Protein backbone atom coordinates (compact mmCIF):
# COMPACT_ATOMS: atom_id res chain seq x y z
CA MET A 1 26.64 42.32 17.49
CA ASN A 2 27.54 42.09 21.16
CA ALA A 3 25.52 39.12 22.31
CA ASP A 4 26.70 37.18 25.33
CA ARG A 5 28.61 34.03 24.34
CA GLU A 6 25.89 31.89 25.92
CA ASN A 7 23.50 33.24 23.30
CA VAL A 8 25.85 32.76 20.33
CA PHE A 9 25.42 29.63 18.20
CA ASP A 10 26.54 28.13 14.93
CA VAL A 11 23.00 27.07 13.96
CA ALA A 12 19.59 28.19 15.19
CA VAL A 13 16.67 25.88 14.37
CA ILE A 14 13.27 27.55 14.67
CA GLY A 15 10.52 25.08 15.55
CA ALA A 16 10.66 21.95 17.71
CA GLY A 17 8.42 19.69 15.68
CA VAL A 18 9.70 16.36 14.43
CA VAL A 19 11.49 18.02 11.48
CA GLY A 20 13.15 20.67 13.65
CA CYS A 21 14.22 18.01 16.15
CA ALA A 22 15.78 15.90 13.39
CA ILE A 23 17.59 18.92 11.91
CA ALA A 24 18.96 19.88 15.33
CA ARG A 25 20.24 16.34 15.80
CA ARG A 26 21.99 16.28 12.44
CA PHE A 27 23.80 19.61 12.87
CA THR A 28 24.79 18.73 16.45
CA LEU A 29 26.26 15.38 15.42
CA ASP A 30 28.08 17.27 12.65
CA GLY A 31 29.85 19.28 15.35
CA ALA A 32 27.85 22.52 15.33
CA ARG A 33 26.73 24.44 18.41
CA VAL A 34 22.96 24.36 17.98
CA VAL A 35 20.00 26.06 19.62
CA VAL A 36 16.37 25.06 19.04
CA VAL A 37 13.89 27.90 19.44
CA GLU A 38 10.28 26.93 20.23
CA LYS A 39 7.42 29.33 20.95
CA ALA A 40 5.37 26.80 22.96
CA ALA A 41 5.97 25.54 26.50
CA ASP A 42 6.88 22.13 25.11
CA VAL A 43 8.08 20.47 21.94
CA LEU A 44 5.84 18.75 19.34
CA ASP A 45 3.07 21.20 20.19
CA GLY A 46 2.12 22.04 16.59
CA ALA A 47 1.57 19.80 13.57
CA SER A 48 3.69 17.00 15.07
CA LYS A 49 1.28 16.30 17.94
CA GLY A 50 -1.37 14.72 15.68
CA ASN A 51 -0.55 12.16 12.99
CA SER A 52 -1.17 8.57 11.95
CA ALA A 53 2.27 7.29 13.11
CA ILE A 54 3.14 5.40 9.93
CA LEU A 55 6.70 5.03 8.63
CA HIS A 56 6.12 5.36 4.88
CA THR A 57 8.35 3.92 2.17
CA GLY A 58 7.47 6.72 -0.25
CA PHE A 59 5.93 4.30 -2.72
CA ASP A 60 3.15 6.72 -3.73
CA ALA A 61 5.03 10.03 -3.45
CA PRO A 62 5.41 12.21 -6.57
CA GLU A 63 8.21 10.85 -8.75
CA GLY A 64 11.39 12.91 -8.73
CA SER A 65 10.19 15.14 -5.88
CA VAL A 66 12.16 16.40 -2.90
CA GLU A 67 9.53 14.66 -0.80
CA VAL A 68 10.23 11.19 -2.16
CA ARG A 69 13.99 11.62 -1.80
CA CYS A 70 13.63 12.71 1.82
CA MET A 71 11.11 9.99 2.62
CA LYS A 72 13.31 7.22 1.26
CA GLU A 73 16.35 8.49 3.15
CA GLY A 74 14.32 9.14 6.31
CA TYR A 75 12.89 5.62 6.13
CA ARG A 76 16.39 4.14 5.73
CA LEU A 77 17.91 6.18 8.53
CA TYR A 78 15.11 5.44 11.01
CA ARG A 79 15.60 1.72 10.50
CA GLU A 80 19.37 2.18 10.82
CA ILE A 81 19.39 4.08 14.14
CA ARG A 82 16.17 3.14 15.90
CA GLN A 83 17.59 0.25 17.97
CA ARG A 84 20.43 2.46 19.28
CA LEU A 85 17.77 4.90 20.53
CA ASN A 86 15.38 2.15 21.73
CA LEU A 87 12.63 3.11 19.29
CA PRO A 88 9.97 0.63 18.14
CA LEU A 89 9.22 -0.62 14.65
CA ILE A 90 6.19 -2.76 13.80
CA GLU A 91 6.74 -4.22 10.33
CA SER A 92 3.09 -4.71 9.51
CA GLY A 93 3.16 -3.99 5.79
CA ALA A 94 0.32 -2.18 4.04
CA LEU A 95 -2.46 -3.14 1.67
CA VAL A 96 -3.60 -0.59 -0.92
CA LEU A 97 -7.24 -1.49 -1.51
CA ALA A 98 -9.59 -0.80 -4.40
CA TRP A 99 -13.31 -0.67 -3.59
CA ASN A 100 -14.70 0.08 -7.05
CA ARG A 101 -13.74 -0.41 -10.69
CA GLU A 102 -12.33 3.09 -11.06
CA GLN A 103 -9.93 2.52 -8.15
CA LEU A 104 -9.12 -0.92 -9.51
CA SER A 105 -8.05 0.65 -12.80
CA GLU A 106 -5.63 2.96 -10.97
CA LEU A 107 -3.69 0.17 -9.26
CA PRO A 108 -1.27 -0.54 -12.16
CA SER A 109 -0.14 3.10 -12.37
CA LEU A 110 0.32 3.21 -8.58
CA MET A 111 2.49 0.12 -8.73
CA GLU A 112 4.49 1.66 -11.57
CA ARG A 113 5.05 4.75 -9.42
CA ALA A 114 6.21 2.56 -6.55
CA HIS A 115 8.77 0.92 -8.86
CA ALA A 116 9.92 4.33 -10.11
CA ASN A 117 10.38 5.40 -6.48
CA GLY A 118 12.57 2.38 -5.78
CA VAL A 119 9.94 0.39 -3.90
CA THR A 120 10.15 -2.73 -6.03
CA ASP A 121 8.72 -5.33 -3.66
CA VAL A 122 5.06 -4.33 -4.10
CA GLU A 123 2.91 -7.35 -4.86
CA GLU A 124 -0.41 -7.35 -6.69
CA LEU A 125 -3.11 -9.36 -4.91
CA SER A 126 -6.46 -10.76 -5.93
CA ARG A 127 -9.59 -10.26 -3.89
CA ALA A 128 -9.28 -13.81 -2.51
CA GLN A 129 -5.65 -13.29 -1.52
CA ILE A 130 -6.49 -10.05 0.27
CA LEU A 131 -9.32 -11.65 2.23
CA LYS A 132 -7.04 -14.50 3.21
CA LEU A 133 -4.50 -12.01 4.61
CA GLU A 134 -7.20 -9.90 6.28
CA PRO A 135 -10.24 -12.10 7.01
CA ASN A 136 -12.06 -9.28 8.86
CA LEU A 137 -12.02 -7.05 5.81
CA SER A 138 -15.30 -6.30 4.02
CA GLU A 139 -15.99 -8.69 1.18
CA GLN A 140 -16.78 -5.66 -1.01
CA VAL A 141 -13.04 -5.21 -1.66
CA MET A 142 -12.22 -5.78 -5.32
CA GLY A 143 -8.41 -5.98 -5.39
CA GLY A 144 -5.21 -4.31 -4.34
CA PHE A 145 -1.51 -4.70 -3.74
CA ARG A 146 0.79 -5.19 -0.77
CA VAL A 147 3.63 -2.85 0.25
CA PRO A 148 5.71 -4.97 2.67
CA GLY A 149 7.92 -2.13 3.92
CA GLU A 150 5.21 0.16 5.33
CA SER A 151 5.50 0.10 9.13
CA LEU A 152 4.10 1.50 12.37
CA ILE A 153 6.14 3.56 14.82
CA ASP A 154 5.71 5.69 17.94
CA PRO A 155 5.07 9.19 16.56
CA TRP A 156 6.43 11.12 19.54
CA SER A 157 9.27 9.06 21.03
CA SER A 158 11.10 9.29 17.70
CA ALA A 159 11.08 13.11 17.69
CA HIS A 160 11.92 13.22 21.40
CA ALA A 161 14.86 10.89 20.71
CA TYR A 162 16.22 13.11 17.94
CA LEU A 163 16.10 16.21 20.12
CA LEU A 164 17.33 14.47 23.26
CA GLN A 165 20.36 13.16 21.38
CA ALA A 166 21.07 16.72 20.22
CA LEU A 167 20.72 18.07 23.79
CA GLU A 168 22.90 15.38 25.33
CA ASN A 169 25.59 16.20 22.78
CA GLY A 170 25.64 19.92 23.50
CA ALA A 171 22.61 21.53 21.84
CA GLU A 172 20.26 23.86 23.73
CA LEU A 173 16.46 24.20 23.74
CA ARG A 174 14.76 27.55 24.30
CA ARG A 175 11.05 27.15 25.00
CA ASN A 176 8.47 29.93 25.30
CA SER A 177 10.55 31.84 22.75
CA GLU A 178 8.48 33.03 19.83
CA VAL A 179 10.49 34.60 17.00
CA THR A 180 9.41 38.22 16.58
CA GLY A 181 12.03 39.42 14.10
CA GLY A 182 15.60 39.18 12.94
CA SER A 183 18.40 40.75 10.94
CA PHE A 184 21.45 39.53 9.03
CA SER A 185 24.73 41.43 8.86
CA ASN A 186 28.43 40.62 8.66
CA GLY A 187 27.68 36.98 8.05
CA ARG A 188 25.64 36.51 11.25
CA TRP A 189 22.00 36.51 12.27
CA ARG A 190 20.46 38.25 15.25
CA ILE A 191 17.11 36.67 16.08
CA GLU A 192 14.70 38.49 18.35
CA THR A 193 12.46 36.24 20.44
CA THR A 194 10.11 36.66 23.39
CA GLY A 195 12.74 34.80 25.42
CA GLY A 196 15.60 37.11 24.44
CA ALA A 197 17.94 37.69 21.50
CA ILE A 198 20.03 34.93 19.92
CA GLU A 199 22.96 35.19 17.53
CA ALA A 200 23.62 32.44 15.00
CA GLY A 201 25.69 31.85 11.92
CA THR A 202 22.98 29.85 10.13
CA VAL A 203 19.22 29.91 10.64
CA VAL A 204 16.90 27.05 9.72
CA ASN A 205 13.21 27.91 9.68
CA ALA A 206 11.29 24.72 10.49
CA ALA A 207 8.31 26.48 12.07
CA GLY A 208 5.67 24.25 10.50
CA LEU A 209 2.23 25.84 10.53
CA PHE A 210 3.85 29.26 11.02
CA GLY A 211 6.76 28.79 8.65
CA ASP A 212 5.61 31.50 6.26
CA VAL A 213 5.01 33.89 9.17
CA VAL A 214 8.55 33.34 10.48
CA ASP A 215 9.85 33.70 6.92
CA GLN A 216 8.19 37.11 6.73
CA ARG A 217 9.48 38.19 10.14
CA LEU A 218 13.06 37.27 9.35
CA THR A 219 13.39 38.21 5.67
CA GLY A 220 10.56 40.66 5.05
CA LYS A 221 8.89 38.33 2.56
CA SER A 222 7.65 34.76 2.20
CA TRP A 223 7.92 32.66 -0.94
CA TYR A 224 5.09 30.30 0.03
CA GLN A 225 1.80 30.35 1.94
CA ILE A 226 0.67 27.88 4.57
CA ARG A 227 -2.82 26.53 4.02
CA PRO A 228 -3.72 24.54 7.15
CA ARG A 229 -5.28 21.17 6.45
CA LYS A 230 -7.13 19.54 9.33
CA GLY A 231 -7.17 15.81 9.86
CA GLN A 232 -9.63 14.22 12.30
CA PHE A 233 -9.15 10.72 13.71
CA VAL A 234 -11.13 8.10 15.60
CA VAL A 235 -9.35 5.66 17.92
CA TYR A 236 -10.92 2.35 18.92
CA ASP A 237 -10.31 0.44 22.13
CA LYS A 238 -7.42 -2.01 22.24
CA PRO A 239 -9.38 -5.22 21.43
CA ALA A 240 -10.15 -3.76 17.98
CA ALA A 241 -6.46 -3.91 17.04
CA ALA A 242 -6.81 -7.66 16.47
CA LEU A 243 -9.09 -6.96 13.49
CA ALA A 244 -6.30 -5.75 11.19
CA ASP A 245 -2.71 -6.91 10.80
CA HIS A 246 -1.81 -4.62 7.89
CA ILE A 247 -2.08 -0.88 7.42
CA LEU A 248 -5.19 -0.61 5.24
CA LEU A 249 -4.75 2.18 2.70
CA PRO A 250 -7.21 3.52 0.12
CA VAL A 251 -6.23 4.47 -3.40
CA PRO A 252 -4.90 8.01 -2.85
CA THR A 253 -6.33 11.11 -4.51
CA LYS A 254 -4.53 14.21 -5.81
CA THR A 255 -4.93 15.97 -2.46
CA THR A 256 -4.83 13.27 0.22
CA LYS A 257 -3.73 9.75 1.04
CA GLY A 258 -7.30 9.18 2.18
CA ILE A 259 -8.82 7.44 5.20
CA VAL A 260 -6.46 4.86 6.70
CA VAL A 261 -7.41 2.00 9.00
CA CYS A 262 -4.53 0.59 11.01
CA ARG A 263 -3.24 -0.50 14.36
CA THR A 264 -1.15 1.89 16.42
CA ALA A 265 2.08 1.22 18.27
CA PHE A 266 0.04 1.71 21.46
CA GLY A 267 -2.29 -1.22 20.77
CA ASN A 268 -5.38 0.63 19.50
CA LEU A 269 -7.01 0.78 16.07
CA LEU A 270 -7.07 4.11 14.26
CA VAL A 271 -9.35 5.43 11.51
CA GLY A 272 -8.46 8.68 9.72
CA PRO A 273 -7.45 11.28 8.83
CA THR A 274 -9.81 13.58 7.02
CA ALA A 275 -8.41 16.38 4.84
CA GLU A 276 -10.19 19.68 5.54
CA GLU A 277 -8.87 23.07 4.47
CA GLN A 278 -9.23 25.85 7.03
CA GLU A 279 -7.79 29.28 7.88
CA ASP A 280 -7.19 28.76 11.62
CA ARG A 281 -3.61 27.65 12.33
CA ASN A 282 -4.06 27.20 16.08
CA HIS A 283 -7.13 25.05 16.59
CA ALA A 284 -8.12 21.68 15.16
CA LEU A 285 -11.68 21.43 16.39
CA LEU A 286 -13.57 18.17 16.27
CA ASP A 287 -16.84 17.84 14.43
CA ARG A 288 -19.50 15.33 15.46
CA GLU A 289 -20.77 14.64 11.96
CA THR A 290 -17.23 14.06 10.72
CA MET A 291 -16.57 11.68 13.60
CA LEU A 292 -19.71 9.72 12.75
CA GLY A 293 -18.57 9.63 9.14
CA LEU A 294 -15.19 8.21 10.16
CA ILE A 295 -16.86 5.57 12.29
CA ALA A 296 -19.08 4.64 9.33
CA LYS A 297 -16.01 4.48 7.07
CA GLY A 298 -14.18 2.24 9.50
CA GLU A 299 -17.17 -0.10 9.69
CA GLU A 300 -17.40 -0.10 5.91
CA VAL A 301 -13.81 -1.36 5.70
CA ILE A 302 -14.01 -3.71 8.72
CA PRO A 303 -17.66 -4.55 9.53
CA ALA A 304 -16.69 -6.12 12.88
CA LEU A 305 -15.85 -2.64 14.20
CA ARG A 306 -19.57 -2.22 14.87
CA SER A 307 -19.10 -4.24 18.05
CA HIS A 308 -16.08 -2.25 19.29
CA GLU A 309 -15.95 0.99 21.25
CA VAL A 310 -14.34 4.29 20.33
CA THR A 311 -12.13 5.42 23.21
CA ALA A 312 -10.65 8.67 21.87
CA ILE A 313 -10.94 11.18 19.08
CA TYR A 314 -8.38 13.76 18.07
CA ALA A 315 -7.47 16.18 15.33
CA GLY A 316 -4.27 17.66 13.96
CA LEU A 317 -3.26 20.28 11.42
CA ARG A 318 -0.91 19.69 8.51
CA PRO A 319 1.11 22.61 7.08
CA ALA A 320 0.06 22.22 3.46
CA THR A 321 0.92 24.93 0.93
CA GLU A 322 -0.20 25.99 -2.55
CA GLU A 323 2.09 23.30 -4.03
CA LYS A 324 2.21 19.57 -3.35
CA ASP A 325 5.98 19.15 -2.94
CA TYR A 326 7.98 20.26 0.08
CA ARG A 327 9.03 23.93 0.06
CA ILE A 328 12.70 23.71 1.03
CA ARG A 329 14.89 26.61 -0.03
CA SER A 330 18.35 27.84 0.91
CA ASP A 331 19.77 31.35 0.66
CA LEU A 332 23.50 30.84 1.12
CA ALA A 333 24.15 34.57 0.79
CA GLU A 334 22.32 35.05 4.09
CA ASN A 335 22.94 31.61 5.66
CA TYR A 336 19.20 30.98 5.76
CA ILE A 337 17.25 27.80 5.00
CA CYS A 338 13.47 27.61 4.96
CA VAL A 339 11.87 24.19 5.41
CA GLY A 340 8.16 24.54 4.63
CA GLY A 341 5.17 22.57 3.42
CA ILE A 342 6.11 19.34 5.22
CA ARG A 343 2.65 17.83 5.24
CA SER A 344 1.57 14.39 6.39
CA THR A 345 4.87 12.66 5.54
CA GLY A 346 7.07 14.68 7.89
CA LEU A 347 7.37 11.89 10.45
CA SER A 348 8.73 9.48 7.84
CA ALA A 349 10.91 12.03 6.08
CA ALA A 350 12.32 13.94 9.08
CA LEU A 351 15.74 12.33 9.16
CA GLY A 352 15.99 12.57 5.38
CA ILE A 353 14.99 16.24 5.46
CA ALA A 354 17.68 16.83 8.07
CA ASP A 355 20.32 15.28 5.81
CA HIS A 356 19.07 17.33 2.85
CA VAL A 357 19.19 20.56 4.87
CA ALA A 358 22.71 19.81 6.10
CA GLU A 359 23.81 19.13 2.54
CA ILE A 360 22.45 22.40 1.12
CA SER A 361 23.56 24.50 4.09
CA GLY A 362 27.13 24.84 2.87
CA ARG A 363 28.43 24.17 6.39
CA GLU A 364 31.47 21.98 6.83
CA ALA A 365 30.75 18.96 9.00
CA ARG A 366 33.11 17.93 11.81
CA PRO A 367 31.32 14.84 13.12
CA LEU A 368 31.51 14.09 16.83
CA ALA A 369 33.95 11.27 17.50
CA ASP A 370 31.86 9.47 20.12
CA PRO A 371 28.33 10.91 20.40
CA VAL A 372 25.95 10.03 23.22
CA TRP A 373 23.06 7.72 22.24
CA PRO A 374 20.23 8.14 24.78
CA GLN A 375 17.82 5.29 25.42
CA MET A 376 14.16 6.23 25.09
CA PRO A 377 11.44 4.79 27.35
CA MET A 378 9.57 2.09 25.48
CA LEU A 379 5.86 2.89 25.10
CA CYS A 380 5.01 0.39 22.38
CA GLU A 381 2.29 -2.08 23.34
CA TYR A 382 4.11 -4.90 21.56
CA GLU A 383 7.44 -4.50 23.41
CA SER A 384 8.53 -4.91 27.05
CA ARG A 385 7.30 -2.01 29.18
CA ASP A 386 8.34 -0.44 32.48
CA TRP A 387 5.33 -1.83 34.36
CA GLN A 388 6.90 -5.28 33.87
CA GLU A 389 10.15 -4.19 35.54
CA ALA A 390 10.98 -4.07 39.26
CA GLY A 391 11.17 -0.83 41.21
CA ASN A 392 8.81 1.14 38.98
CA GLY A 393 6.85 2.68 41.87
CA GLY A 394 3.58 1.09 40.80
CA VAL A 395 1.13 1.79 37.99
CA VAL A 396 -0.53 5.22 38.07
CA CYS A 397 -2.47 5.09 34.80
CA LEU A 398 -4.19 1.71 34.67
CA CYS A 399 -5.52 2.04 31.12
CA GLU A 400 -2.09 2.62 29.56
CA LEU A 401 -0.05 0.92 32.32
CA VAL A 402 2.05 4.03 32.96
CA THR A 403 4.26 3.75 36.03
CA ARG A 404 5.21 6.32 38.65
CA ARG A 405 8.84 5.99 37.54
CA GLU A 406 7.94 6.79 33.92
CA ILE A 407 6.07 9.93 34.99
CA GLU A 408 8.87 11.07 37.28
CA ASN A 409 11.51 10.47 34.61
CA ALA A 410 9.48 12.42 32.05
CA MET A 411 9.55 15.49 34.30
CA THR A 412 13.33 15.50 34.73
CA GLY A 413 16.38 15.78 32.50
CA PRO A 414 17.25 18.08 29.58
CA LEU A 415 13.97 17.39 27.80
CA ALA A 416 11.63 17.41 30.80
CA ALA A 417 7.92 17.80 30.02
CA GLY A 418 6.85 21.45 30.04
CA SER A 419 3.10 20.93 29.83
CA MET A 420 0.46 18.31 30.46
CA GLY A 421 0.30 17.62 26.74
CA GLY A 422 4.03 17.08 26.71
CA LEU A 423 3.81 14.68 29.64
CA LYS A 424 1.10 12.71 27.86
CA ARG A 425 3.21 12.42 24.71
CA ARG A 426 6.18 11.19 26.78
CA THR A 427 4.26 8.59 28.80
CA ARG A 428 0.69 8.17 27.41
CA VAL A 429 -0.71 8.92 30.86
CA THR A 430 -4.49 9.74 30.71
CA MET A 431 -4.63 8.68 27.03
CA GLY A 432 -6.40 5.37 27.55
CA ARG A 433 -9.99 4.22 27.76
CA CYS A 434 -11.02 6.32 30.76
CA GLN A 435 -9.21 9.44 29.46
CA GLY A 436 -7.75 10.19 32.88
CA PHE A 437 -10.88 9.70 34.99
CA HIS A 438 -9.13 7.38 37.46
CA CYS A 439 -5.57 8.77 37.51
CA SER A 440 -6.00 12.55 37.18
CA ALA A 441 -6.13 13.22 40.94
CA GLU A 442 -2.88 11.37 41.62
CA LEU A 443 -1.33 12.92 38.52
CA ALA A 444 -2.26 16.40 39.73
CA ARG A 445 -0.43 15.71 43.00
CA MET A 446 2.64 14.40 41.20
CA THR A 447 2.87 17.32 38.76
CA GLU A 448 2.01 20.19 41.10
CA GLY A 449 4.50 23.01 40.57
CA ARG A 450 6.58 20.93 38.17
CA LEU A 451 5.15 21.80 34.75
CA GLY A 452 5.67 25.08 32.98
CA GLN A 453 1.97 24.94 32.21
CA PRO A 454 0.05 23.48 35.17
CA MET A 455 -2.22 20.51 34.78
CA LEU A 456 -5.76 21.50 33.89
CA ALA A 457 -8.97 19.52 34.19
CA GLN A 458 -8.94 17.11 31.27
CA THR A 459 -12.15 17.08 29.26
CA CYS A 460 -13.07 14.09 27.17
CA GLY A 461 -13.24 15.30 23.56
CA LYS A 462 -15.58 12.55 22.43
CA LYS A 463 -18.27 13.85 24.80
CA THR A 464 -17.84 17.57 24.24
CA GLY A 465 -16.74 17.82 20.62
CA ARG A 466 -13.84 20.07 21.69
CA GLU A 467 -10.28 19.81 20.44
CA LYS A 468 -8.56 16.59 21.40
CA THR A 469 -5.07 15.43 20.54
CA SER A 470 -4.78 12.04 22.19
CA GLN A 471 -4.47 8.63 20.65
């Protein structure tokens, strides 16, 4: 192999979703020269762009699974590092609610599982206790238990922070670089991408919805199959957030955690997701009947939602597989690790997955003596924001109070936005009540010629039923 030194790395991470970003961070801090290869124009453009933004304790994960181990460690690590990266944490706690006698009968076994998973502070509650904690809840609730450690976070700033820390400590990001093939010889990989060839000692496949496809392209076979699972969400206007303090969880089923009702870090109230199997890996289309069903479900849980407006709808895809547990596998003979099947818990487990991958990689760690800790812009509704600070250039997006300085900063630096979607995830611009109606013209002027993918006319998904990925 005669690759240029600038294209030679210790570790290549394929996929810049939250899991890939966390893995890149871990290997970089361990002293490796890392490259992240992403086929899209921006990061978090696949499964990671649509989720419910909950930091889970792992209380209901399968006992003894890789998933529960990674979730517990990811939960611990997020809480350990989040202040150094200026990431939010809303310690709301969760209520697991039973709405019929069958669900009521399942509560003891769920609490036993929580104890087995090391979540020992769950507390059984009577109907009266639940209604005292959540007075806006429907009186049809029959019982439940509280999980104090369940929390709300910003789903995108966390992943951006992991990758930015990697980049500021020497890692590289290659966007618009789809993996088309690869070969392993003499202890090294040569990866062919649409952005050029890369050489690496170790390859980590964290390609999410296309993980099995990348597996096939690199190794000639795939040991698992992605089965895309769509989740649709409804987001209510900010006043609705006052109706629920806790994350309101249903009794989970064998296939899904069910429809959740909770606040978001951005001050809205969210209802979702659904769990719909489909073949298409690229599009999460919205369905009017499903949206109406989610609205009805939200009103069933919190009747007062009938008087509140829906401001956004969105859908995401989860990379489910034929098995429930994560599909993480290492082939040390070829320095290859495949990280597949990271479904709805990837946000919570990302840092734990990264630790697990580093452990099974066989690579010797030489931790950086004094790593850089970047400070992320604070987008959480319940923390101090840039619009409250001097010299911000004024507010451009009135609905989400996004300043000119925030937009400018998001388009500069090693992790500058490469698309309009990426800019929205970095700032929340156009993601509020008017969905960009008032700020799009000014935003178009500010972004002209500065995004890898130019700004397009933004269409409100709740009016057209087209794909929407905003919160």
